C-alpha atoms as a PDB file:
ATOM      1  CA  MET A   1     -15.011 -45.776 252.383  1.00  0.00           C
ATOM      2  CA  PRO A   2     -16.160 -48.111 249.661  1.00  0.00           C
ATOM      3  CA  ASP A   3     -19.268 -46.046 248.948  1.00  0.00           C
ATOM      4  CA  PHE A   4     -17.317 -42.797 248.525  1.00  0.00           C
ATOM      5  CA  ASP A   5     -18.541 -42.344 244.942  1.00  0.00           C
ATOM      6  CA  GLN A   6     -22.196 -42.679 245.969  1.00  0.00           C
ATOM      7  CA  LYS A   7     -21.687 -40.225 248.836  1.00  0.00           C
ATOM      8  CA  ALA A   8     -20.017 -37.794 246.439  1.00  0.00           C
ATOM      9  CA  LYS A   9     -22.945 -38.055 244.011  1.00  0.00           C
ATOM     10  CA  ARG A  10     -25.492 -37.398 246.775  1.00  0.00           C
ATOM     11  CA  LEU A  11     -23.460 -34.470 248.048  1.00  0.00           C
ATOM     12  CA  ALA A  12     -23.105 -33.010 244.546  1.00  0.00           C
ATOM     13  CA  LYS A  13     -26.845 -33.351 244.016  1.00  0.00           C
ATOM     14  CA  SER A  14     -27.590 -31.443 247.206  1.00  0.00           C
ATOM     15  CA  LEU A  15     -24.960 -28.767 246.466  1.00  0.00           C
ATOM     16  CA  PHE A  16     -25.525 -28.220 242.768  1.00  0.00           C
ATOM     17  CA  SER A  17     -29.192 -28.779 242.025  1.00  0.00           C
ATOM     18  CA  LYS A  18     -30.291 -25.215 242.629  1.00  0.00           C
ATOM     19  CA  SER A  19     -30.039 -21.978 240.675  1.00  0.00           C
ATOM     20  CA  GLU A  20     -27.018 -20.978 238.597  1.00  0.00           C
ATOM     21  CA  VAL A  21     -25.934 -18.465 241.246  1.00  0.00           C
ATOM     22  CA  GLN A  22     -26.255 -21.052 244.030  1.00  0.00           C
ATOM     23  CA  ASN A  23     -24.295 -23.534 241.916  1.00  0.00           C
ATOM     24  CA  ARG A  24     -21.460 -21.035 241.452  1.00  0.00           C
ATOM     25  CA  ILE A  25     -21.401 -20.282 245.174  1.00  0.00           C
ATOM     26  CA  SER A  26     -21.301 -24.012 245.975  1.00  0.00           C
ATOM     27  CA  MET A  27     -18.566 -24.615 243.391  1.00  0.00           C
ATOM     28  CA  ASN A  28     -16.419 -21.831 244.846  1.00  0.00           C
ATOM     29  CA  ALA A  29     -16.948 -23.133 248.385  1.00  0.00           C
ATOM     30  CA  VAL A  30     -15.811 -26.629 247.382  1.00  0.00           C
ATOM     31  CA  LYS A  31     -12.778 -25.203 245.565  1.00  0.00           C
ATOM     32  CA  MET A  32     -11.867 -23.203 248.671  1.00  0.00           C
ATOM     33  CA  ILE A  33     -12.108 -26.307 250.867  1.00  0.00           C
ATOM     34  CA  ILE A  34      -9.871 -28.290 248.504  1.00  0.00           C
ATOM     35  CA  GLY A  35      -7.468 -25.356 248.332  1.00  0.00           C
ATOM     36  CA  ASP A  36      -7.358 -25.170 252.145  1.00  0.00           C
ATOM     37  CA  ILE A  37      -6.628 -28.903 252.370  1.00  0.00           C
ATOM     38  CA  VAL A  38      -3.767 -28.540 249.864  1.00  0.00           C
ATOM     39  CA  THR A  39      -2.399 -25.498 251.720  1.00  0.00           C
ATOM     40  CA  LEU A  40      -2.572 -27.303 255.064  1.00  0.00           C
ATOM     41  CA  TYR A  41      -0.823 -30.358 253.608  1.00  0.00           C
ATOM     42  CA  THR A  42       1.903 -28.180 252.051  1.00  0.00           C
ATOM     43  CA  GLU A  43       2.558 -26.300 255.288  1.00  0.00           C
ATOM     44  CA  PHE A  44       2.863 -29.533 257.260  1.00  0.00           C
ATOM     45  CA  ARG A  45       5.084 -31.165 254.654  1.00  0.00           C
ATOM     46  CA  ASN A  46       7.407 -28.156 254.587  1.00  0.00           C
ATOM     47  CA  THR A  47       7.763 -28.081 258.377  1.00  0.00           C
ATOM     48  CA  GLU A  48       7.512 -31.757 259.362  1.00  0.00           C
ATOM     49  CA  GLY A  49       8.611 -33.692 256.283  1.00  0.00           C
ATOM     50  CA  LEU A  50       7.066 -36.260 253.996  1.00  0.00           C
ATOM     51  CA  GLY A  51       3.743 -37.713 255.161  1.00  0.00           C
ATOM     52  CA  ALA A  52      -0.034 -37.624 254.740  1.00  0.00           C
ATOM     53  CA  LEU A  53      -2.830 -35.408 255.987  1.00  0.00           C
ATOM     54  CA  PHE A  54      -5.514 -37.415 257.793  1.00  0.00           C
ATOM     55  CA  PHE A  55      -8.605 -35.304 257.231  1.00  0.00           C
ATOM     56  CA  HIS A  56     -11.880 -35.735 259.137  1.00  0.00           C
ATOM     57  CA  PRO A  57     -14.647 -34.084 257.070  1.00  0.00           C
ATOM     58  CA  GLN A  58     -17.129 -34.141 259.973  1.00  0.00           C
ATOM     59  CA  ARG A  59     -14.540 -32.914 262.488  1.00  0.00           C
ATOM     60  CA  PRO A  60     -11.874 -30.945 260.586  1.00  0.00           C
ATOM     61  CA  ASP A  61     -10.365 -29.645 263.834  1.00  0.00           C
ATOM     62  CA  GLU A  62      -9.386 -33.240 264.644  1.00  0.00           C
ATOM     63  CA  SER A  63      -7.482 -33.687 261.395  1.00  0.00           C
ATOM     64  CA  GLN A  64      -3.781 -34.320 261.720  1.00  0.00           C
ATOM     65  CA  TYR A  65      -0.635 -34.743 259.685  1.00  0.00           C
ATOM     66  CA  LEU A  66       1.376 -37.931 260.086  1.00  0.00           C
ATOM     67  CA  THR A  67       4.962 -38.128 258.876  1.00  0.00           C
ATOM     68  CA  LEU A  68       6.371 -41.311 257.368  1.00  0.00           C
ATOM     69  CA  SER A  69       7.951 -42.027 260.750  1.00  0.00           C
ATOM     70  CA  ASP A  70       4.552 -41.684 262.470  1.00  0.00           C
ATOM     71  CA  ILE A  71       2.944 -43.968 259.892  1.00  0.00           C
ATOM     72  CA  HIS A  72       5.689 -46.578 260.358  1.00  0.00           C
ATOM     73  CA  LYS A  73       5.073 -46.506 264.131  1.00  0.00           C
ATOM     74  CA  ASP A  74       1.330 -46.961 263.568  1.00  0.00           C
ATOM     75  CA  MET A  75       2.014 -49.788 261.113  1.00  0.00           C
ATOM     76  CA  ALA A  76       4.219 -51.541 263.715  1.00  0.00           C
ATOM     77  CA  LEU A  77       1.481 -51.092 266.316  1.00  0.00           C
ATOM     78  CA  ALA A  78      -1.137 -52.522 263.923  1.00  0.00           C
ATOM     79  CA  GLU A  79       1.136 -55.529 263.298  1.00  0.00           C
ATOM     80  CA  GLU A  80       1.676 -55.971 267.031  1.00  0.00           C
ATOM     81  CA  LEU A  81      -2.102 -55.911 267.544  1.00  0.00           C
ATOM     82  CA  MET A  82      -2.388 -58.424 264.688  1.00  0.00           C
ATOM     83  CA  ASN A  83      -4.552 -56.081 262.634  1.00  0.00           C
ATOM     84  CA  ALA A  84      -3.341 -57.195 259.208  1.00  0.00           C
ATOM     85  CA  GLU A  85      -5.855 -55.039 257.332  1.00  0.00           C
ATOM     86  CA  LEU A  86      -4.691 -51.823 258.997  1.00  0.00           C
ATOM     87  CA  ALA A  87      -1.014 -52.785 258.699  1.00  0.00           C
ATOM     88  CA  THR A  88      -1.506 -53.417 254.970  1.00  0.00           C
ATOM     89  CA  PHE A  89      -3.287 -50.062 254.626  1.00  0.00           C
ATOM     90  CA  PHE A  90      -0.328 -48.259 256.239  1.00  0.00           C
ATOM     91  CA  LYS A  91       2.155 -50.161 254.051  1.00  0.00           C
ATOM     92  CA  LYS A  92       0.293 -49.161 250.872  1.00  0.00           C
ATOM     93  CA  LEU A  93       0.016 -45.586 252.150  1.00  0.00           C
ATOM     94  CA  THR A  94       3.777 -45.454 252.793  1.00  0.00           C
ATOM     95  CA  ASN A  95       4.481 -46.707 249.266  1.00  0.00           C
ATOM     96  CA  LEU A  96       2.114 -44.136 247.764  1.00  0.00           C
ATOM     97  CA  ILE A  97       3.644 -41.257 249.741  1.00  0.00           C
ATOM     98  CA  GLN A  98       7.126 -42.221 248.583  1.00  0.00           C
ATOM     99  CA  LYS A  99       5.928 -42.542 244.987  1.00  0.00           C
ATOM    100  CA  GLU A 100       4.191 -39.156 245.029  1.00  0.00           C
ATOM    101  CA  GLN A 101       7.083 -37.244 246.598  1.00  0.00           C
ATOM    102  CA  GLU A 102       8.541 -36.573 243.142  1.00  0.00           C
ATOM    103  CA  ASN A 103       5.269 -34.987 241.948  1.00  0.00           C
ATOM    104  CA  ASP A 104       4.878 -33.094 245.227  1.00  0.00           C
ATOM    105  CA  SER A 105       1.199 -34.117 245.162  1.00  0.00           C
ATOM    106  CA  PRO A 106      -0.690 -33.884 248.452  1.00  0.00           C
ATOM    107  CA  VAL A 107      -1.643 -37.259 249.907  1.00  0.00           C
ATOM    108  CA  VAL A 108      -4.834 -36.995 251.950  1.00  0.00           C
ATOM    109  CA  VAL A 109      -6.498 -39.766 253.922  1.00  0.00           C
ATOM    110  CA  MET A 110     -10.207 -39.080 254.353  1.00  0.00           C
ATOM    111  CA  THR A 111     -11.501 -40.659 257.547  1.00  0.00           C
ATOM    112  CA  ASP A 112     -14.960 -41.188 258.949  1.00  0.00           C
ATOM    113  CA  GLN A 113     -16.862 -43.757 260.975  1.00  0.00           C
ATOM    114  CA  SER A 114     -16.988 -46.163 258.013  1.00  0.00           C
ATOM    115  CA  GLY A 115     -13.234 -46.208 257.367  1.00  0.00           C
ATOM    116  CA  MET A 116     -10.417 -44.482 255.516  1.00  0.00           C
ATOM    117  CA  SER A 117      -9.707 -43.739 251.871  1.00  0.00           C
ATOM    118  CA  VAL A 118      -6.530 -42.334 250.338  1.00  0.00           C
ATOM    119  CA  HIS A 119      -6.565 -39.549 247.766  1.00  0.00           C
ATOM    120  CA  VAL A 120      -3.761 -37.898 245.837  1.00  0.00           C
ATOM    121  CA  ILE A 121      -4.893 -34.383 245.045  1.00  0.00           C
ATOM    122  CA  ASP A 122      -4.250 -33.013 241.593  1.00  0.00           C
ATOM    123  CA  LEU A 123      -5.829 -29.563 241.458  1.00  0.00           C
ATOM    124  CA  ASN A 124      -6.364 -29.717 237.691  1.00  0.00           C
ATOM    125  CA  LEU A 125      -8.070 -33.085 237.950  1.00  0.00           C
ATOM    126  CA  ALA A 126     -10.125 -31.852 240.914  1.00  0.00           C
ATOM    127  CA  GLU A 127     -11.374 -28.952 238.794  1.00  0.00           C
ATOM    128  CA  ASP A 128     -12.438 -31.373 236.039  1.00  0.00           C
ATOM    129  CA  MET A 129     -14.142 -33.704 238.527  1.00  0.00           C
ATOM    130  CA  LEU A 130     -16.060 -30.833 240.111  1.00  0.00           C
ATOM    131  CA  ALA A 131     -17.249 -29.664 236.700  1.00  0.00           C
ATOM    132  CA  LYS A 132     -18.417 -33.209 235.945  1.00  0.00           C
ATOM    133  CA  ARG A 133     -20.259 -33.457 239.282  1.00  0.00           C
ATOM    134  CA  LEU A 134     -21.928 -30.116 238.592  1.00  0.00           C
ATOM    135  CA  GLU A 135     -22.974 -31.276 235.123  1.00  0.00           C
ATOM    136  CA  ASP A 136     -24.307 -34.604 236.438  1.00  0.00           C
ATOM    137  CA  ALA A 137     -26.221 -32.960 239.286  1.00  0.00           C
ATOM    138  CA  THR A 138     -27.869 -30.352 237.088  1.00  0.00           C
ATOM    139  CA  SER A 139     -28.580 -32.526 234.034  1.00  0.00           C
ATOM    140  CA  ASN A 140     -31.839 -33.821 235.483  1.00  0.00           C
ATOM    141  CA  LEU A 141     -33.301 -30.414 236.302  1.00  0.00           C
END
């Protein structure tokens, strides 16, 4: 999702360019969604082991958790199908998951029709980013 930042700006503008009360409601809704994603990741990691949550924003019920073993199988399949780009993506994802295991940070792959992007969720950083998006969206009012 190379245009993720632009999509995020448009979304923030539509969520946060209203009244102060509406902005607070929107901010709390976004925080709850992020919190739910972190909770879901944590539950899967505790029961299934190290991996990543593949999250579909448009179809959250189709989201799934893939363990490192699952990702390795998908990487082997991508290599077999000679899809070097996807195989490289899975290799980088595997390295990131292993790196982040010490921090216990959730690794989430956002997927949509335009592709996939990997995000390591830091709740403190997410709070700061949301505040910045709110500020940017309401600065032109």
